Amino acid sequence: GRPARRLLPERVLKSGWTWLFVGAVVVYAGALAWLYADVLSSMKASADAYVNPAAIRQAAGLAVPTVLFWTVVFILTDRYRPQRFIVWFVTLGWGAAVAVLLAYHVNTWAAQHLGIAGAGDPASGARAAIFVAPFVEEACKATVIFLIAIFARYRITSKVSAIVLAGLSAAGFAFTENIVYYARVIVFASTTIQAGDADQALASIVMLRGVYTAFGHPLFTMMTGIGIAVALRTHSKVVRVLAPLAGYCAAAFLHMLYNSQASMSDGNAQLILYFAVALPM
């Protein structure tokens, strides 16, 4: 006769997906705790004030709507050949926890080495944001997609699957990054007289990062996702190598273009690029 069907608790406990979920929760919680401790101990919002827990809690509440929006958008996009929930969770969590932690430390290290003390080039403060951060952050966000492509390539069933997973990782990254940015503005605006209206300053950055340019990180990382999808569906060994590399370079270039314009262009140039390039893409 047929073998006896295992009970649900037994099937859950013996499933590799269950233990992947448990492991991911532990790793992501540890990464977020590490990042949280680093931010509280070393991140200054002004000359005399550090980012504090109250500011982080307020910032998290402001960052949630954006990540919820993109999560729903990407999951709905993936509805025809949907992934397991755990795959969505792993990619979103990776971006929000591990990718941000890695990028934070590498970018901090690079900024310390690229900065100029004393009478140097005043534009040097943007060097890390333009020449380092795009490559570091895109690599950190896309690592989870490469891992899935290596160990569970059958989960990437189409180009849409790769784009969705890349977008989820980027949405998670943007969520945690937004918390840090919002928290710094909250502390700076509340402790610095020159900042003016604290509520207005906070509302401005939330609209900028959470609405107007909220598609930025997902757009960049989806380029890498497309490259990985092409590589998985080709018989050419050359394309298998070049397609992900080309996708990653495209992601880093777009990210670099965005950071350079945000750091160095005036308002008119930013508006032209936003409406003529960013929104159409």
Protein backbone atom coordinates (compact mmCIF):
# COMPACT_ATOMS: atom_id res chain seq x y z
CA GLY A 1 0.00 0.00 0.00
CA ARG A 2 0.91 3.68 -0.01
CA PRO A 3 3.39 4.89 2.61
CA ALA A 4 1.80 6.62 5.58
CA ARG A 5 1.59 10.38 5.13
CA ARG A 6 3.71 12.21 7.69
CA LEU A 7 2.02 14.61 10.05
CA LEU A 8 2.39 18.36 9.44
CA PRO A 9 4.74 19.02 12.41
CA GLU A 10 7.02 16.23 11.24
CA ARG A 11 7.05 17.51 7.65
CA VAL A 12 7.83 21.03 8.86
CA LEU A 13 10.66 19.93 11.13
CA LYS A 14 12.26 17.76 8.44
CA SER A 15 11.98 20.38 5.70
CA GLY A 16 15.16 22.11 4.64
CA TRP A 17 13.15 25.27 4.00
CA THR A 18 12.20 25.40 7.69
CA TRP A 19 15.80 25.35 8.82
CA LEU A 20 16.78 27.84 6.14
CA PHE A 21 14.13 30.17 7.57
CA VAL A 22 15.37 29.64 11.14
CA GLY A 23 18.99 30.19 10.13
CA ALA A 24 18.11 33.32 8.17
CA VAL A 25 16.19 34.78 11.12
CA VAL A 26 19.16 34.20 13.44
CA VAL A 27 21.71 35.64 11.00
CA TYR A 28 19.58 38.65 10.10
CA ALA A 29 18.74 39.42 13.72
CA GLY A 30 22.43 39.27 14.59
CA ALA A 31 23.37 41.54 11.67
CA LEU A 32 20.72 44.11 12.62
CA ALA A 33 21.79 44.05 16.27
CA TRP A 34 25.41 44.60 15.23
CA LEU A 35 24.44 47.46 12.93
CA TYR A 36 22.20 48.99 15.59
CA ALA A 37 25.04 48.97 18.13
CA ASP A 38 27.47 50.48 15.63
CA VAL A 39 25.09 53.27 14.64
CA LEU A 40 24.34 54.22 18.25
CA SER A 41 27.99 54.21 19.26
CA SER A 42 29.61 55.96 16.30
CA MET A 43 27.15 57.80 14.05
CA LYS A 44 27.00 61.53 14.69
CA ALA A 45 24.08 63.58 13.45
CA SER A 46 25.81 66.83 14.42
CA ALA A 47 28.98 67.94 16.14
CA ASP A 48 27.56 67.26 19.60
CA ALA A 49 24.80 64.70 19.08
CA TYR A 50 24.72 61.01 18.19
CA VAL A 51 21.85 59.07 16.65
CA ASN A 52 19.74 57.70 19.52
CA PRO A 53 17.20 54.86 19.98
CA ALA A 54 14.19 57.19 20.01
CA ALA A 55 15.21 58.65 16.65
CA ILE A 56 15.71 55.18 15.17
CA ARG A 57 12.26 54.06 16.33
CA GLN A 58 10.63 57.13 14.81
CA ALA A 59 12.62 56.70 11.61
CA ALA A 60 11.64 53.03 11.32
CA GLY A 61 7.97 53.96 11.42
CA LEU A 62 8.51 56.45 8.61
CA ALA A 63 10.45 53.93 6.49
CA VAL A 64 7.90 51.09 6.74
CA PRO A 65 5.37 52.36 4.14
CA THR A 66 8.00 52.45 1.39
CA VAL A 67 9.26 48.91 1.95
CA LEU A 68 5.71 47.61 2.25
CA PHE A 69 4.80 49.22 -1.07
CA TRP A 70 7.74 47.70 -2.93
CA THR A 71 7.32 44.31 -1.28
CA VAL A 72 3.70 44.14 -2.43
CA VAL A 73 4.62 45.36 -5.93
CA PHE A 74 7.33 42.74 -6.41
CA ILE A 75 5.31 39.86 -4.96
CA LEU A 76 2.37 40.75 -7.21
CA THR A 77 4.75 40.89 -10.16
CA ASP A 78 5.90 37.37 -9.26
CA ARG A 79 2.35 36.01 -8.95
CA TYR A 80 2.29 33.97 -12.17
CA ARG A 81 5.12 31.65 -11.12
CA PRO A 82 5.45 32.61 -7.46
CA GLN A 83 8.40 31.76 -5.23
CA ARG A 84 8.13 30.10 -1.88
CA PHE A 85 7.63 32.63 0.92
CA ILE A 86 11.03 31.70 2.35
CA VAL A 87 12.80 32.76 -0.86
CA TRP A 88 11.12 36.16 -0.77
CA PHE A 89 11.97 36.46 2.93
CA VAL A 90 15.61 35.50 2.45
CA THR A 91 16.17 38.08 -0.27
CA LEU A 92 14.31 40.90 1.48
CA GLY A 93 15.99 40.15 4.80
CA TRP A 94 19.43 39.88 3.23
CA GLY A 95 19.13 43.36 1.78
CA ALA A 96 17.78 44.83 5.01
CA ALA A 97 20.32 43.23 7.34
CA VAL A 98 23.47 41.61 5.92
CA ALA A 99 23.91 43.82 2.85
CA VAL A 100 23.51 47.03 4.85
CA LEU A 101 25.91 45.86 7.56
CA LEU A 102 28.59 44.92 5.02
CA ALA A 103 28.15 48.12 3.02
CA TYR A 104 28.18 50.26 6.16
CA HIS A 105 31.57 48.97 7.28
CA VAL A 106 33.19 48.96 3.84
CA ASN A 107 31.89 52.43 2.99
CA THR A 108 33.03 53.78 6.36
CA TRP A 109 36.50 52.32 5.84
CA ALA A 110 36.68 53.75 2.32
CA ALA A 111 35.49 57.20 3.40
CA GLN A 112 38.22 57.35 6.04
CA HIS A 113 40.88 56.59 3.44
CA LEU A 114 39.50 58.88 0.73
CA GLY A 115 38.81 61.88 2.95
CA ILE A 116 41.17 64.85 2.99
CA ALA A 117 41.97 66.53 6.27
CA GLY A 118 42.78 70.21 6.40
CA ALA A 119 42.97 72.37 3.30
CA GLY A 120 42.08 69.86 0.61
CA ASP A 121 39.64 69.52 -2.19
CA PRO A 122 36.22 70.43 -0.81
CA ALA A 123 34.59 67.94 -3.16
CA SER A 124 36.51 65.05 -1.60
CA GLY A 125 33.68 64.34 0.81
CA ALA A 126 31.67 62.95 -2.09
CA ARG A 127 34.40 60.60 -3.29
CA ALA A 128 33.28 57.56 -1.33
CA ALA A 129 29.62 58.10 -2.24
CA ILE A 130 30.43 58.34 -5.95
CA PHE A 131 33.37 56.00 -6.52
CA VAL A 132 33.04 53.38 -3.78
CA ALA A 133 29.48 53.10 -2.46
CA PRO A 134 27.84 52.15 -5.79
CA PHE A 135 30.15 49.17 -6.34
CA VAL A 136 30.07 48.08 -2.71
CA GLU A 137 26.33 48.39 -2.22
CA GLU A 138 25.39 46.74 -5.51
CA ALA A 139 27.71 43.83 -4.75
CA CYS A 140 26.27 43.44 -1.25
CA LYS A 141 22.66 43.55 -2.45
CA ALA A 142 23.23 41.15 -5.35
CA THR A 143 25.21 38.54 -3.39
CA VAL A 144 22.04 36.78 -2.25
CA ILE A 145 20.85 36.49 -5.87
CA PHE A 146 24.16 34.91 -6.85
CA LEU A 147 23.84 32.48 -3.93
CA ILE A 148 20.34 31.47 -5.00
CA ALA A 149 21.54 31.07 -8.59
CA ILE A 150 24.36 28.79 -7.41
CA PHE A 151 22.57 26.65 -4.84
CA ALA A 152 18.92 26.80 -5.97
CA ARG A 153 18.94 27.92 -9.58
CA TYR A 154 15.66 26.11 -10.23
CA ARG A 155 13.95 28.79 -8.09
CA ILE A 156 14.82 31.41 -10.71
CA THR A 157 12.27 30.36 -13.31
CA SER A 158 12.39 33.44 -15.54
CA LYS A 159 13.86 36.89 -15.97
CA VAL A 160 10.92 38.17 -13.92
CA SER A 161 11.95 35.90 -11.02
CA ALA A 162 15.47 37.31 -11.04
CA ILE A 163 14.20 40.88 -11.26
CA VAL A 164 11.77 40.31 -8.38
CA LEU A 165 14.41 38.80 -6.11
CA ALA A 166 16.88 41.57 -6.93
CA GLY A 167 14.21 44.19 -6.31
CA LEU A 168 13.25 42.68 -2.96
CA SER A 169 16.87 42.67 -1.78
CA ALA A 170 17.22 46.30 -2.85
CA ALA A 171 13.94 47.27 -1.19
CA GLY A 172 15.16 45.76 2.08
CA PHE A 173 18.47 47.61 1.75
CA ALA A 174 16.70 50.91 1.10
CA PHE A 175 14.45 50.32 4.13
CA THR A 176 17.33 50.07 6.60
CA GLU A 177 19.31 52.81 4.87
CA ASN A 178 16.28 55.11 5.08
CA ILE A 179 16.02 54.48 8.81
CA VAL A 180 19.61 55.64 9.23
CA TYR A 181 19.11 58.73 7.08
CA TYR A 182 15.83 59.68 8.73
CA ALA A 183 17.26 59.18 12.22
CA ARG A 184 20.20 61.46 11.47
CA VAL A 185 17.89 64.19 10.21
CA ILE A 186 15.64 63.80 13.26
CA VAL A 187 18.56 64.30 15.65
CA PHE A 188 20.26 67.01 13.59
CA ALA A 189 17.11 69.07 13.11
CA SER A 190 16.17 68.81 16.78
CA THR A 191 19.62 69.80 18.08
CA THR A 192 20.77 72.39 15.53
CA ILE A 193 19.18 75.83 15.46
CA GLN A 194 20.40 76.50 11.91
CA ALA A 195 18.36 73.53 10.65
CA GLY A 196 15.16 75.55 10.94
CA ASP A 197 11.81 73.78 11.14
CA ALA A 198 12.60 70.23 12.30
CA ASP A 199 9.31 68.78 11.07
CA GLN A 200 9.75 70.34 7.64
CA ALA A 201 13.31 69.03 7.35
CA LEU A 202 12.16 65.52 8.22
CA ALA A 203 9.18 65.66 5.87
CA SER A 204 11.46 66.77 3.02
CA ILE A 205 13.85 63.84 3.30
CA VAL A 206 11.00 61.34 3.76
CA MET A 207 9.38 62.60 0.56
CA LEU A 208 12.71 62.59 -1.27
CA ARG A 209 13.91 59.12 -0.26
CA GLY A 210 10.61 57.45 0.54
CA VAL A 211 8.58 58.67 -2.43
CA TYR A 212 10.33 60.58 -5.23
CA THR A 213 13.47 58.43 -5.48
CA ALA A 214 12.16 55.30 -3.74
CA PHE A 215 12.61 53.30 -6.96
CA GLY A 216 16.37 54.00 -7.02
CA HIS A 217 17.82 51.00 -5.21
CA PRO A 218 15.42 48.48 -6.81
CA LEU A 219 16.12 49.93 -10.28
CA PHE A 220 19.88 49.63 -9.86
CA THR A 221 19.92 46.08 -8.50
CA MET A 222 17.40 44.80 -11.07
CA MET A 223 20.13 45.33 -13.68
CA THR A 224 22.22 42.67 -11.94
CA GLY A 225 19.15 40.44 -11.68
CA ILE A 226 18.63 40.63 -15.44
CA GLY A 227 22.28 39.72 -16.03
CA ILE A 228 22.00 36.67 -13.78
CA ALA A 229 18.77 35.57 -15.48
CA VAL A 230 20.42 35.78 -18.91
CA ALA A 231 23.40 33.78 -17.67
CA LEU A 232 21.19 30.98 -16.32
CA ARG A 233 19.49 30.52 -19.69
CA THR A 234 22.40 30.46 -22.07
CA HIS A 235 24.58 27.62 -23.32
CA SER A 236 27.50 29.97 -23.91
CA LYS A 237 30.17 29.88 -21.21
CA VAL A 238 31.28 33.37 -22.22
CA VAL A 239 27.78 34.80 -21.77
CA ARG A 240 27.44 33.03 -18.41
CA VAL A 241 30.38 35.09 -17.19
CA LEU A 242 29.81 38.34 -19.05
CA ALA A 243 26.04 38.72 -18.54
CA PRO A 244 26.13 38.95 -14.71
CA LEU A 245 29.22 41.16 -14.92
CA ALA A 246 27.52 43.47 -17.41
CA GLY A 247 24.39 43.61 -15.24
CA TYR A 248 26.44 44.43 -12.17
CA CYS A 249 28.39 47.14 -14.00
CA ALA A 250 25.12 48.65 -15.26
CA ALA A 251 23.75 48.66 -11.71
CA ALA A 252 26.89 50.29 -10.33
CA PHE A 253 26.98 52.86 -13.15
CA LEU A 254 23.36 53.90 -12.58
CA HIS A 255 24.01 54.08 -8.85
CA MET A 256 27.14 56.15 -9.44
CA LEU A 257 25.25 58.49 -11.77
CA TYR A 258 22.54 58.98 -9.17
CA ASN A 259 25.01 59.65 -6.34
CA SER A 260 27.11 62.03 -8.42
CA GLN A 261 24.10 64.11 -9.42
CA ALA A 262 22.76 64.15 -5.87
CA SER A 263 26.15 65.27 -4.55
CA MET A 264 27.40 67.70 -7.16
CA SER A 265 24.64 68.97 -9.49
CA ASP A 266 22.39 71.95 -8.99
CA GLY A 267 18.63 71.74 -8.76
CA ASN A 268 17.95 72.24 -12.48
CA ALA A 269 20.31 69.46 -13.58
CA GLN A 270 18.81 67.11 -11.01
CA LEU A 271 15.28 67.84 -12.24
CA ILE A 272 16.27 67.22 -15.87
CA LEU A 273 17.89 63.87 -15.06
CA TYR A 274 14.99 62.87 -12.81
CA PHE A 275 12.26 63.46 -15.38
CA ALA A 276 14.24 62.65 -18.53
CA VAL A 277 16.20 59.61 -17.34
CA ALA A 278 15.18 58.22 -13.94
CA LEU A 279 11.39 58.14 -14.23
CA PRO A 280 11.32 56.70 -17.77
CA MET A 281 13.67 53.90 -16.71
